[in-house]
Amino acid sequence: MLMGKTNLYAKNLYAKFFARKHVCVKNTIQGFPLTMAGRGERVKIVSVTGDKMLFKRLIIMGLLEETELEVLHLIRGNGLKVACFDTQLALGVGMANKIRVVPIEGNLNDGN
């Protein structure tokens, strides 16, 4: 469990996020699921589909919209490992499927 200022920051961010009217409109979701990103690919989170508990977990982990990630390792059928800032996180396939991302220009894994 997080302690001190970090926990307070996460609670405030969570409260602020759900204080606004957040409506997910069909056919407006852009990007692709994080599970479709290739190893070594750098991506940016554009949206998340899920319930409040998923949003809360992602906020605590620091995975907010506009956060840049690098896919480090794909675990076939079980999820993936990503780098976010100076931290490495393992995400299950269910959670990773709900995170929509777009590629960042200048990827090392773009075929050049």
PDB file of N, CA and C in Angstrom:
ATOM      1  N   MET A   1       0.840  -1.181   0.000  1.00  0.00           N
ATOM      2  CA  MET A   1       0.000   0.000   0.000  1.00  0.00           C
ATOM      3  C   MET A   1       0.883   1.240   0.000  1.00  0.00           C
ATOM      4  N   LEU A   2       0.500   2.210  -0.777  1.00  0.00           N
ATOM      5  CA  LEU A   2       1.260   3.453  -0.835  1.00  0.00           C
ATOM      6  C   LEU A   2       1.066   4.256   0.440  1.00  0.00           C
ATOM      7  N   MET A   3       2.080   4.976   0.822  1.00  0.00           N
ATOM      8  CA  MET A   3       2.018   5.742   2.057  1.00  0.00           C
ATOM      9  C   MET A   3       2.288   7.215   1.768  1.00  0.00           C
ATOM     10  N   GLY A   4       1.865   8.075   2.674  1.00  0.00           N
ATOM     11  CA  GLY A   4       2.236   9.477   2.648  1.00  0.00           C
ATOM     12  C   GLY A   4       1.699  10.277   1.478  1.00  0.00           C
ATOM     13  N   LYS A   5       2.563  11.172   0.965  1.00  0.00           N
ATOM     14  CA  LYS A   5       2.167  12.120  -0.073  1.00  0.00           C
ATOM     15  C   LYS A   5       1.755  11.432  -1.363  1.00  0.00           C
ATOM     16  N   THR A   6       2.410  10.317  -1.708  1.00  0.00           N
ATOM     17  CA  THR A   6       2.070   9.615  -2.941  1.00  0.00           C
ATOM     18  C   THR A   6       0.643   9.115  -2.891  1.00  0.00           C
ATOM     19  N   ASN A   7       0.231   8.557  -1.749  1.00  0.00           N
ATOM     20  CA  ASN A   7      -1.119   8.057  -1.591  1.00  0.00           C
ATOM     21  C   ASN A   7      -2.127   9.197  -1.669  1.00  0.00           C
ATOM     22  N   LEU A   8      -1.831  10.321  -1.044  1.00  0.00           N
ATOM     23  CA  LEU A   8      -2.708  11.484  -1.084  1.00  0.00           C
ATOM     24  C   LEU A   8      -2.829  12.009  -2.510  1.00  0.00           C
ATOM     25  N   TYR A   9      -1.712  12.048  -3.231  1.00  0.00           N
ATOM     26  CA  TYR A   9      -1.720  12.493  -4.626  1.00  0.00           C
ATOM     27  C   TYR A   9      -2.612  11.582  -5.469  1.00  0.00           C
ATOM     28  N   ALA A  10      -2.484  10.266  -5.281  1.00  0.00           N
ATOM     29  CA  ALA A  10      -3.288   9.311  -6.045  1.00  0.00           C
ATOM     30  C   ALA A  10      -4.770   9.479  -5.727  1.00  0.00           C
ATOM     31  N   LYS A  11      -5.108   9.677  -4.447  1.00  0.00           N
ATOM     32  CA  LYS A  11      -6.509   9.867  -4.066  1.00  0.00           C
ATOM     33  C   LYS A  11      -7.072  11.142  -4.687  1.00  0.00           C
ATOM     34  N   ASN A  12      -6.305  12.236  -4.657  1.00  0.00           N
ATOM     35  CA  ASN A  12      -6.764  13.494  -5.244  1.00  0.00           C
ATOM     36  C   ASN A  12      -6.937  13.370  -6.749  1.00  0.00           C
ATOM     37  N   LEU A  13      -5.999  12.694  -7.406  1.00  0.00           N
ATOM     38  CA  LEU A  13      -6.082  12.503  -8.847  1.00  0.00           C
ATOM     39  C   LEU A  13      -7.295  11.659  -9.200  1.00  0.00           C
ATOM     40  N   TYR A  14      -7.539  10.613  -8.422  1.00  0.00           N
ATOM     41  CA  TYR A  14      -8.686   9.732  -8.625  1.00  0.00           C
ATOM     42  C   TYR A  14      -9.983  10.513  -8.450  1.00  0.00           C
ATOM     43  N   ALA A  15     -10.077  11.316  -7.397  1.00  0.00           N
ATOM     44  CA  ALA A  15     -11.282  12.107  -7.139  1.00  0.00           C
ATOM     45  C   ALA A  15     -11.507  13.134  -8.243  1.00  0.00           C
ATOM     46  N   LYS A  16     -10.439  13.791  -8.687  1.00  0.00           N
ATOM     47  CA  LYS A  16     -10.552  14.788  -9.749  1.00  0.00           C
ATOM     48  C   LYS A  16     -11.007  14.140 -11.058  1.00  0.00           C
ATOM     49  N   PHE A  17     -10.481  12.944 -11.338  1.00  0.00           N
ATOM     50  CA  PHE A  17     -10.824  12.249 -12.575  1.00  0.00           C
ATOM     51  C   PHE A  17     -12.300  11.908 -12.612  1.00  0.00           C
ATOM     52  N   PHE A  18     -12.855  11.410 -11.492  1.00  0.00           N
ATOM     53  CA  PHE A  18     -14.248  11.004 -11.475  1.00  0.00           C
ATOM     54  C   PHE A  18     -15.206  12.142 -11.146  1.00  0.00           C
ATOM     55  N   ALA A  19     -14.692  13.324 -10.790  1.00  0.00           N
ATOM     56  CA  ALA A  19     -15.556  14.480 -10.565  1.00  0.00           C
ATOM     57  C   ALA A  19     -16.066  15.019 -11.897  1.00  0.00           C
ATOM     58  N   ARG A  20     -15.259  14.872 -12.943  1.00  0.00           N
ATOM     59  CA  ARG A  20     -15.704  15.349 -14.254  1.00  0.00           C
ATOM     60  C   ARG A  20     -16.605  14.301 -14.895  1.00  0.00           C
ATOM     61  N   LYS A  21     -17.392  14.732 -15.830  1.00  0.00           N
ATOM     62  CA  LYS A  21     -18.269  13.823 -16.550  1.00  0.00           C
ATOM     63  C   LYS A  21     -17.428  13.091 -17.586  1.00  0.00           C
ATOM     64  N   HIS A  22     -17.192  11.810 -17.357  1.00  0.00           N
ATOM     65  CA  HIS A  22     -16.386  11.019 -18.281  1.00  0.00           C
ATOM     66  C   HIS A  22     -17.312  10.065 -19.020  1.00  0.00           C
ATOM     67  N   VAL A  23     -17.515  10.327 -20.283  1.00  0.00           N
ATOM     68  CA  VAL A  23     -18.398   9.500 -21.088  1.00  0.00           C
ATOM     69  C   VAL A  23     -17.592   8.904 -22.230  1.00  0.00           C
ATOM     70  N   CYS A  24     -17.673   7.604 -22.383  1.00  0.00           N
ATOM     71  CA  CYS A  24     -16.991   6.931 -23.483  1.00  0.00           C
ATOM     72  C   CYS A  24     -17.997   6.750 -24.607  1.00  0.00           C
ATOM     73  N   VAL A  25     -17.809   7.449 -25.699  1.00  0.00           N
ATOM     74  CA  VAL A  25     -18.716   7.382 -26.835  1.00  0.00           C
ATOM     75  C   VAL A  25     -18.211   6.316 -27.794  1.00  0.00           C
ATOM     76  N   LYS A  26     -19.110   5.468 -28.258  1.00  0.00           N
ATOM     77  CA  LYS A  26     -18.713   4.414 -29.182  1.00  0.00           C
ATOM     78  C   LYS A  26     -18.154   5.017 -30.466  1.00  0.00           C
ATOM     79  N   ASN A  27     -17.229   4.306 -31.072  1.00  0.00           N
ATOM     80  CA  ASN A  27     -16.597   4.673 -32.344  1.00  0.00           C
ATOM     81  C   ASN A  27     -15.720   5.916 -32.263  1.00  0.00           C
ATOM     82  N   THR A  28     -15.422   6.397 -31.077  1.00  0.00           N
ATOM     83  CA  THR A  28     -14.506   7.532 -30.973  1.00  0.00           C
ATOM     84  C   THR A  28     -13.172   7.120 -30.357  1.00  0.00           C
ATOM     85  N   ILE A  29     -13.053   5.843 -29.979  1.00  0.00           N
ATOM     86  CA  ILE A  29     -11.810   5.373 -29.383  1.00  0.00           C
ATOM     87  C   ILE A  29     -10.767   5.243 -30.477  1.00  0.00           C
ATOM     88  N   GLN A  30      -9.640   5.893 -30.280  1.00  0.00           N
ATOM     89  CA  GLN A  30      -8.575   5.827 -31.261  1.00  0.00           C
ATOM     90  C   GLN A  30      -7.473   4.925 -30.748  1.00  0.00           C
ATOM     91  N   GLY A  31      -6.552   4.588 -31.605  1.00  0.00           N
ATOM     92  CA  GLY A  31      -5.432   3.754 -31.206  1.00  0.00           C
ATOM     93  C   GLY A  31      -5.764   2.275 -31.271  1.00  0.00           C
ATOM     94  N   PHE A  32      -4.915   1.487 -30.633  1.00  0.00           N
ATOM     95  CA  PHE A  32      -5.074   0.037 -30.613  1.00  0.00           C
ATOM     96  C   PHE A  32      -4.733  -0.466 -29.218  1.00  0.00           C
ATOM     97  N   PRO A  33      -5.164  -1.693 -28.875  1.00  0.00           N
ATOM     98  CA  PRO A  33      -4.865  -2.216 -27.537  1.00  0.00           C
ATOM     99  C   PRO A  33      -3.362  -2.374 -27.322  1.00  0.00           C
ATOM    100  N   LEU A  34      -2.922  -2.159 -26.112  1.00  0.00           N
ATOM    101  CA  LEU A  34      -1.507  -2.269 -25.768  1.00  0.00           C
ATOM    102  C   LEU A  34      -0.954  -3.651 -26.092  1.00  0.00           C
ATOM    103  N   THR A  35      -1.800  -4.679 -26.028  1.00  0.00           N
ATOM    104  CA  THR A  35      -1.337  -6.037 -26.313  1.00  0.00           C
ATOM    105  C   THR A  35      -0.890  -6.216 -27.759  1.00  0.00           C
ATOM    106  N   MET A  36      -1.295  -5.316 -28.649  1.00  0.00           N
ATOM    107  CA  MET A  36      -0.913  -5.423 -30.058  1.00  0.00           C
ATOM    108  C   MET A  36       0.413  -4.727 -30.362  1.00  0.00           C
ATOM    109  N   ALA A  37       0.977  -4.031 -29.404  1.00  0.00           N
ATOM    110  CA  ALA A  37       2.266  -3.360 -29.611  1.00  0.00           C
ATOM    111  C   ALA A  37       3.376  -4.404 -29.638  1.00  0.00           C
ATOM    112  N   GLY A  38       4.373  -4.159 -30.465  1.00  0.00           N
ATOM    113  CA  GLY A  38       5.488  -5.091 -30.590  1.00  0.00           C
ATOM    114  C   GLY A  38       6.576  -4.834 -29.564  1.00  0.00           C
ATOM    115  N   ARG A  39       7.429  -5.820 -29.397  1.00  0.00           N
ATOM    116  CA  ARG A  39       8.548  -5.703 -28.459  1.00  0.00           C
ATOM    117  C   ARG A  39       9.475  -4.574 -28.907  1.00  0.00           C
ATOM    118  N   GLY A  40       9.852  -3.714 -27.979  1.00  0.00           N
ATOM    119  CA  GLY A  40      10.726  -2.586 -28.279  1.00  0.00           C
ATOM    120  C   GLY A  40       9.991  -1.360 -28.798  1.00  0.00           C
ATOM    121  N   GLU A  41       8.686  -1.469 -29.005  1.00  0.00           N
ATOM    122  CA  GLU A  41       7.907  -0.347 -29.533  1.00  0.00           C
ATOM    123  C   GLU A  41       7.591   0.654 -28.426  1.00  0.00           C
ATOM    124  N   ARG A  42       7.691   1.940 -28.767  1.00  0.00           N
ATOM    125  CA  ARG A  42       7.339   3.012 -27.835  1.00  0.00           C
ATOM    126  C   ARG A  42       5.952   3.513 -28.210  1.00  0.00           C
ATOM    127  N   VAL A  43       5.076   3.582 -27.216  1.00  0.00           N
ATOM    128  CA  VAL A  43       3.691   3.981 -27.438  1.00  0.00           C
ATOM    129  C   VAL A  43       3.265   5.002 -26.390  1.00  0.00           C
ATOM    130  N   LYS A  44       2.144   5.679 -26.688  1.00  0.00           N
ATOM    131  CA  LYS A  44       1.573   6.657 -25.757  1.00  0.00           C
ATOM    132  C   LYS A  44       0.128   6.264 -25.485  1.00  0.00           C
ATOM    133  N   ILE A  45      -0.279   6.295 -24.222  1.00  0.00           N
ATOM    134  CA  ILE A  45      -1.650   5.956 -23.843  1.00  0.00           C
ATOM    135  C   ILE A  45      -2.584   7.076 -24.290  1.00  0.00           C
ATOM    136  N   VAL A  46      -3.660   6.708 -25.021  1.00  0.00           N
ATOM    137  CA  VAL A  46      -4.630   7.713 -25.456  1.00  0.00           C
ATOM    138  C   VAL A  46      -5.972   7.557 -24.756  1.00  0.00           C
ATOM    139  N   SER A  47      -6.311   6.345 -24.327  1.00  0.00           N
ATOM    140  CA  SER A  47      -7.564   6.155 -23.599  1.00  0.00           C
ATOM    141  C   SER A  47      -7.542   4.810 -22.884  1.00  0.00           C
ATOM    142  N   VAL A  48      -8.479   4.675 -21.960  1.00  0.00           N
ATOM    143  CA  VAL A  48      -8.626   3.431 -21.211  1.00  0.00           C
ATOM    144  C   VAL A  48     -10.109   3.121 -21.145  1.00  0.00           C
ATOM    145  N   THR A  49     -10.467   1.876 -21.412  1.00  0.00           N
ATOM    146  CA  THR A  49     -11.856   1.457 -21.265  1.00  0.00           C
ATOM    147  C   THR A  49     -11.924   0.507 -20.084  1.00  0.00           C
ATOM    148  N   GLY A  50     -12.826   0.760 -19.182  1.00  0.00           N
ATOM    149  CA  GLY A  50     -12.935  -0.113 -18.017  1.00  0.00           C
ATOM    150  C   GLY A  50     -13.725   0.543 -16.907  1.00  0.00           C
ATOM    151  N   ASP A  51     -13.767  -0.128 -15.773  1.00  0.00           N
ATOM    152  CA  ASP A  51     -14.533   0.370 -14.636  1.00  0.00           C
ATOM    153  C   ASP A  51     -13.662   1.238 -13.723  1.00  0.00           C
ATOM    154  N   LYS A  52     -14.274   1.729 -12.650  1.00  0.00           N
ATOM    155  CA  LYS A  52     -13.563   2.632 -11.735  1.00  0.00           C
ATOM    156  C   LYS A  52     -12.370   1.965 -11.064  1.00  0.00           C
ATOM    157  N   MET A  53     -12.492   0.688 -10.757  1.00  0.00           N
ATOM    158  CA  MET A  53     -11.382  -0.004 -10.095  1.00  0.00           C
ATOM    159  C   MET A  53     -10.165  -0.094 -11.008  1.00  0.00           C
ATOM    160  N   LEU A  54     -10.398  -0.305 -12.298  1.00  0.00           N
ATOM    161  CA  LEU A  54      -9.276  -0.342 -13.242  1.00  0.00           C
ATOM    162  C   LEU A  54      -8.607   1.025 -13.313  1.00  0.00           C
ATOM    163  N   PHE A  55      -9.406   2.086 -13.414  1.00  0.00           N
ATOM    164  CA  PHE A  55      -8.846   3.438 -13.451  1.00  0.00           C
ATOM    165  C   PHE A  55      -8.032   3.719 -12.189  1.00  0.00           C
ATOM    166  N   LYS A  56      -8.554   3.311 -11.047  1.00  0.00           N
ATOM    167  CA  LYS A  56      -7.856   3.544  -9.787  1.00  0.00           C
ATOM    168  C   LYS A  56      -6.503   2.830  -9.773  1.00  0.00           C
ATOM    169  N   ARG A  57      -6.482   1.576 -10.213  1.00  0.00           N
ATOM    170  CA  ARG A  57      -5.220   0.818 -10.251  1.00  0.00           C
ATOM    171  C   ARG A  57      -4.224   1.462 -11.202  1.00  0.00           C
ATOM    172  N   LEU A  58      -4.698   1.906 -12.370  1.00  0.00           N
ATOM    173  CA  LEU A  58      -3.797   2.518 -13.348  1.00  0.00           C
ATOM    174  C   LEU A  58      -3.248   3.847 -12.844  1.00  0.00           C
ATOM    175  N   ILE A  59      -4.075   4.629 -12.164  1.00  0.00           N
ATOM    176  CA  ILE A  59      -3.618   5.902 -11.603  1.00  0.00           C
ATOM    177  C   ILE A  59      -2.533   5.654 -10.564  1.00  0.00           C
ATOM    178  N   ILE A  60      -2.739   4.678  -9.705  1.00  0.00           N
ATOM    179  CA  ILE A  60      -1.743   4.366  -8.678  1.00  0.00           C
ATOM    180  C   ILE A  60      -0.432   3.910  -9.312  1.00  0.00           C
ATOM    181  N   MET A  61      -0.512   3.183 -10.437  1.00  0.00           N
ATOM    182  CA  MET A  61       0.700   2.729 -11.127  1.00  0.00           C
ATOM    183  C   MET A  61       1.337   3.833 -11.968  1.00  0.00           C
ATOM    184  N   GLY A  62       0.622   4.958 -12.138  1.00  0.00           N
ATOM    185  CA  GLY A  62       1.162   6.057 -12.929  1.00  0.00           C
ATOM    186  C   GLY A  62       0.855   5.952 -14.406  1.00  0.00           C
ATOM    187  N   LEU A  63      -0.085   5.102 -14.783  1.00  0.00           N
ATOM    188  CA  LEU A  63      -0.441   4.922 -16.190  1.00  0.00           C
ATOM    189  C   LEU A  63      -1.663   5.770 -16.527  1.00  0.00           C
ATOM    190  N   LEU A  64      -1.413   7.030 -16.828  1.00  0.00           N
ATOM    191  CA  LEU A  64      -2.464   7.977 -17.164  1.00  0.00           C
ATOM    192  C   LEU A  64      -2.438   8.248 -18.661  1.00  0.00           C
ATOM    193  N   GLU A  65      -3.468   8.923 -19.165  1.00  0.00           N
ATOM    194  CA  GLU A  65      -3.460   9.336 -20.568  1.00  0.00           C
ATOM    195  C   GLU A  65      -2.242  10.209 -20.830  1.00  0.00           C
ATOM    196  N   GLU A  66      -1.679  10.079 -22.018  1.00  0.00           N
ATOM    197  CA  GLU A  66      -0.481  10.800 -22.467  1.00  0.00           C
ATOM    198  C   GLU A  66       0.814  10.237 -21.876  1.00  0.00           C
ATOM    199  N   THR A  67       0.745   9.161 -21.088  1.00  0.00           N
ATOM    200  CA  THR A  67       1.955   8.537 -20.556  1.00  0.00           C
ATOM    201  C   THR A  67       2.622   7.718 -21.654  1.00  0.00           C
ATOM    202  N   GLU A  68       3.936   7.861 -21.769  1.00  0.00           N
ATOM    203  CA  GLU A  68       4.689   7.106 -22.770  1.00  0.00           C
ATOM    204  C   GLU A  68       5.227   5.822 -22.151  1.00  0.00           C
ATOM    205  N   LEU A  69       5.110   4.727 -22.913  1.00  0.00           N
ATOM    206  CA  LEU A  69       5.559   3.415 -22.466  1.00  0.00           C
ATOM    207  C   LEU A  69       6.465   2.794 -23.518  1.00  0.00           C
ATOM    208  N   GLU A  70       7.305   1.879 -23.087  1.00  0.00           N
ATOM    209  CA  GLU A  70       8.079   1.057 -24.018  1.00  0.00           C
ATOM    210  C   GLU A  70       7.806  -0.401 -23.676  1.00  0.00           C
ATOM    211  N   VAL A  71       7.413  -1.180 -24.683  1.00  0.00           N
ATOM    212  CA  VAL A  71       7.145  -2.601 -24.471  1.00  0.00           C
ATOM    213  C   VAL A  71       8.481  -3.326 -24.388  1.00  0.00           C
ATOM    214  N   LEU A  72       8.743  -3.953 -23.250  1.00  0.00           N
ATOM    215  CA  LEU A  72      10.017  -4.637 -23.033  1.00  0.00           C
ATOM    216  C   LEU A  72       9.959  -6.114 -23.382  1.00  0.00           C
ATOM    217  N   HIS A  73       8.851  -6.757 -23.021  1.00  0.00           N
ATOM    218  CA  HIS A  73       8.780  -8.205 -23.188  1.00  0.00           C
ATOM    219  C   HIS A  73       7.324  -8.621 -23.340  1.00  0.00           C
ATOM    220  N   LEU A  74       7.038  -9.459 -24.307  1.00  0.00           N
ATOM    221  CA  LEU A  74       5.699 -10.006 -24.491  1.00  0.00           C
ATOM    222  C   LEU A  74       5.657 -11.405 -23.894  1.00  0.00           C
ATOM    223  N   ILE A  75       4.667 -11.658 -23.070  1.00  0.00           N
ATOM    224  CA  ILE A  75       4.492 -12.971 -22.468  1.00  0.00           C
ATOM    225  C   ILE A  75       3.273 -13.592 -23.134  1.00  0.00           C
ATOM    226  N   ARG A  76       3.506 -14.509 -24.043  1.00  0.00           N
ATOM    227  CA  ARG A  76       2.443 -15.058 -24.887  1.00  0.00           C
ATOM    228  C   ARG A  76       1.220 -15.483 -24.071  1.00  0.00           C
ATOM    229  N   GLY A  77       0.085 -14.851 -24.351  1.00  0.00           N
ATOM    230  CA  GLY A  77      -1.174 -15.190 -23.708  1.00  0.00           C
ATOM    231  C   GLY A  77      -1.316 -14.762 -22.258  1.00  0.00           C
ATOM    232  N   ASN A  78      -0.264 -14.207 -21.670  1.00  0.00           N
ATOM    233  CA  ASN A  78      -0.325 -13.850 -20.254  1.00  0.00           C
ATOM    234  C   ASN A  78      -0.123 -12.375 -19.982  1.00  0.00           C
ATOM    235  N   GLY A  79       0.228 -11.585 -20.976  1.00  0.00           N
ATOM    236  CA  GLY A  79       0.421 -10.163 -20.761  1.00  0.00           C
ATOM    237  C   GLY A  79       1.742  -9.667 -21.296  1.00  0.00           C
ATOM    238  N   LEU A  80       2.231  -8.588 -20.704  1.00  0.00           N
ATOM    239  CA  LEU A  80       3.475  -7.998 -21.172  1.00  0.00           C
ATOM    240  C   LEU A  80       4.152  -7.204 -20.079  1.00  0.00           C
ATOM    241  N   LYS A  81       5.405  -6.875 -20.324  1.00  0.00           N
ATOM    242  CA  LYS A  81       6.188  -6.064 -19.391  1.00  0.00           C
ATOM    243  C   LYS A  81       6.525  -4.767 -20.101  1.00  0.00           C
ATOM    244  N   VAL A  82       6.258  -3.634 -19.432  1.00  0.00           N
ATOM    245  CA  VAL A  82       6.495  -2.325 -20.029  1.00  0.00           C
ATOM    246  C   VAL A  82       7.379  -1.479 -19.122  1.00  0.00           C
ATOM    247  N   ALA A  83       8.048  -0.513 -19.734  1.00  0.00           N
ATOM    248  CA  ALA A  83       8.826   0.473 -18.982  1.00  0.00           C
ATOM    249  C   ALA A  83       8.052   1.777 -18.995  1.00  0.00           C
ATOM    250  N   CYS A  84       7.857   2.345 -17.812  1.00  0.00           N
ATOM    251  CA  CYS A  84       7.165   3.615 -17.647  1.00  0.00           C
ATOM    252  C   CYS A  84       8.051   4.473 -16.758  1.00  0.00           C
ATOM    253  N   PHE A  85       8.621   5.533 -17.323  1.00  0.00           N
ATOM    254  CA  PHE A  85       9.611   6.351 -16.629  1.00  0.00           C
ATOM    255  C   PHE A  85      10.797   5.461 -16.249  1.00  0.00           C
ATOM    256  N   ASP A  86      11.128   5.350 -14.970  1.00  0.00           N
ATOM    257  CA  ASP A  86      12.241   4.502 -14.531  1.00  0.00           C
ATOM    258  C   ASP A  86      11.751   3.196 -13.916  1.00  0.00           C
ATOM    259  N   THR A  87      10.499   2.844 -14.177  1.00  0.00           N
ATOM    260  CA  THR A  87       9.883   1.674 -13.562  1.00  0.00           C
ATOM    261  C   THR A  87       9.487   0.657 -14.618  1.00  0.00           C
ATOM    262  N   GLN A  88       9.621  -0.614 -14.286  1.00  0.00           N
ATOM    263  CA  GLN A  88       9.133  -1.679 -15.149  1.00  0.00           C
ATOM    264  C   GLN A  88       7.888  -2.272 -14.511  1.00  0.00           C
ATOM    265  N   LEU A  89       6.838  -2.444 -15.325  1.00  0.00           N
ATOM    266  CA  LEU A  89       5.572  -2.969 -14.831  1.00  0.00           C
ATOM    267  C   LEU A  89       5.161  -4.176 -15.655  1.00  0.00           C
ATOM    268  N   ALA A  90       4.607  -5.187 -15.001  1.00  0.00           N
ATOM    269  CA  ALA A  90       4.028  -6.335 -15.691  1.00  0.00           C
ATOM    270  C   ALA A  90       2.514  -6.161 -15.675  1.00  0.00           C
ATOM    271  N   LEU A  91       1.899  -6.258 -16.841  1.00  0.00           N
ATOM    272  CA  LEU A  91       0.453  -6.098 -16.963  1.00  0.00           C
ATOM    273  C   LEU A  91      -0.147  -7.383 -17.508  1.00  0.00           C
ATOM    274  N   GLY A  92      -1.256  -7.802 -16.925  1.00  0.00           N
ATOM    275  CA  GLY A  92      -1.973  -8.964 -17.435  1.00  0.00           C
ATOM    276  C   GLY A  92      -2.640  -8.634 -18.756  1.00  0.00           C
ATOM    277  N   VAL A  93      -2.984  -9.666 -19.501  1.00  0.00           N
ATOM    278  CA  VAL A  93      -3.563  -9.467 -20.825  1.00  0.00           C
ATOM    279  C   VAL A  93      -4.908  -8.741 -20.744  1.00  0.00           C
ATOM    280  N   GLY A  94      -5.707  -8.992 -19.716  1.00  0.00           N
ATOM    281  CA  GLY A  94      -7.005  -8.330 -19.579  1.00  0.00           C
ATOM    282  C   GLY A  94      -6.867  -6.834 -19.386  1.00  0.00           C
ATOM    283  N   MET A  95      -5.960  -6.437 -18.501  1.00  0.00           N
ATOM    284  CA  MET A  95      -5.723  -5.018 -18.256  1.00  0.00           C
ATOM    285  C   MET A  95      -5.096  -4.354 -19.481  1.00  0.00           C
ATOM    286  N   ALA A  96      -4.124  -5.018 -20.092  1.00  0.00           N
ATOM    287  CA  ALA A  96      -3.436  -4.441 -21.249  1.00  0.00           C
ATOM    288  C   ALA A  96      -4.372  -4.267 -22.438  1.00  0.00           C
ATOM    289  N   ASN A  97      -5.372  -5.139 -22.576  1.00  0.00           N
ATOM    290  CA  ASN A  97      -6.337  -5.006 -23.672  1.00  0.00           C
ATOM    291  C   ASN A  97      -7.218  -3.777 -23.513  1.00  0.00           C
ATOM    292  N   LYS A  98      -7.375  -3.283 -22.302  1.00  0.00           N
ATOM    293  CA  LYS A  98      -8.237  -2.126 -22.047  1.00  0.00           C
ATOM    294  C   LYS A  98      -7.495  -0.801 -22.180  1.00  0.00           C
ATOM    295  N   ILE A  99      -6.184  -0.861 -22.352  1.00  0.00           N
ATOM    296  CA  ILE A  99      -5.374   0.348 -22.516  1.00  0.00           C
ATOM    297  C   ILE A  99      -5.153   0.572 -24.006  1.00  0.00           C
ATOM    298  N   ARG A 100      -5.657   1.705 -24.529  1.00  0.00           N
ATOM    299  CA  ARG A 100      -5.519   2.030 -25.956  1.00  0.00           C
ATOM    300  C   ARG A 100      -4.320   2.948 -26.132  1.00  0.00           C
ATOM    301  N   VAL A 101      -3.493   2.636 -27.116  1.00  0.00           N
ATOM    302  CA  VAL A 101      -2.251   3.372 -27.334  1.00  0.00           C
ATOM    303  C   VAL A 101      -2.084   3.732 -28.804  1.00  0.00           C
ATOM    304  N   VAL A 102      -1.200   4.684 -29.055  1.00  0.00           N
ATOM    305  CA  VAL A 102      -0.771   5.022 -30.417  1.00  0.00           C
ATOM    306  C   VAL A 102       0.753   4.979 -30.428  1.00  0.00           C
ATOM    307  N   PRO A 103       1.340   4.629 -31.575  1.00  0.00           N
ATOM    308  CA  PRO A 103       2.806   4.598 -31.636  1.00  0.00           C
ATOM    309  C   PRO A 103       3.390   6.001 -31.567  1.00  0.00           C
ATOM    310  N   ILE A 104       4.576   6.095 -31.007  1.00  0.00           N
ATOM    311  CA  ILE A 104       5.302   7.360 -30.953  1.00  0.00           C
ATOM    312  C   ILE A 104       6.228   7.402 -32.151  1.00  0.00           C
ATOM    313  N   GLU A 105       6.270   8.530 -32.840  1.00  0.00           N
ATOM    314  CA  GLU A 105       7.148   8.659 -33.999  1.00  0.00           C
ATOM    315  C   GLU A 105       8.593   8.463 -33.579  1.00  0.00           C
ATOM    316  N   GLY A 106       9.362   7.856 -34.471  1.00  0.00           N
ATOM    317  CA  GLY A 106      10.771   7.626 -34.188  1.00  0.00           C
ATOM    318  C   GLY A 106      11.025   6.324 -33.468  1.00  0.00           C
ATOM    319  N   ASN A 107      10.067   5.369 -33.550  1.00  0.00           N
ATOM    320  CA  ASN A 107      10.264   4.063 -32.928  1.00  0.00           C
ATOM    321  C   ASN A 107      11.448   3.349 -33.545  1.00  0.00           C
ATOM    322  N   LEU A 108      12.163   2.591 -32.750  1.00  0.00           N
ATOM    323  CA  LEU A 108      13.253   1.764 -33.260  1.00  0.00           C
ATOM    324  C   LEU A 108      12.712   0.557 -34.005  1.00  0.00           C
ATOM    325  N   ASN A 109      11.453   0.224 -33.755  1.00  0.00           N
ATOM    326  CA  ASN A 109      10.858  -0.988 -34.294  1.00  0.00           C
ATOM    327  C   ASN A 109       9.890  -0.677 -35.434  1.00  0.00           C
ATOM    328  N   ASP A 110      10.173   0.348 -36.252  1.00  0.00           N
ATOM    329  CA  ASP A 110       9.235   0.745 -37.302  1.00  0.00           C
ATOM    330  C   ASP A 110       9.602   0.211 -38.680  1.00  0.00           C
ATOM    331  N   GLY A 111      10.527  -0.736 -38.758  1.00  0.00           N
ATOM    332  CA  GLY A 111      10.839  -1.377 -40.019  1.00  0.00           C
ATOM    333  C   GLY A 111      11.978  -0.750 -40.780  1.00  0.00           C
ATOM    334  N   ASN A 112      12.592   0.298 -40.287  1.00  0.00           N
ATOM    335  CA  ASN A 112      13.718   0.942 -40.976  1.00  0.00           C
ATOM    336  C   ASN A 112      15.031   0.374 -40.521  1.00  0.00           C
TER     337      ASN A 112
END
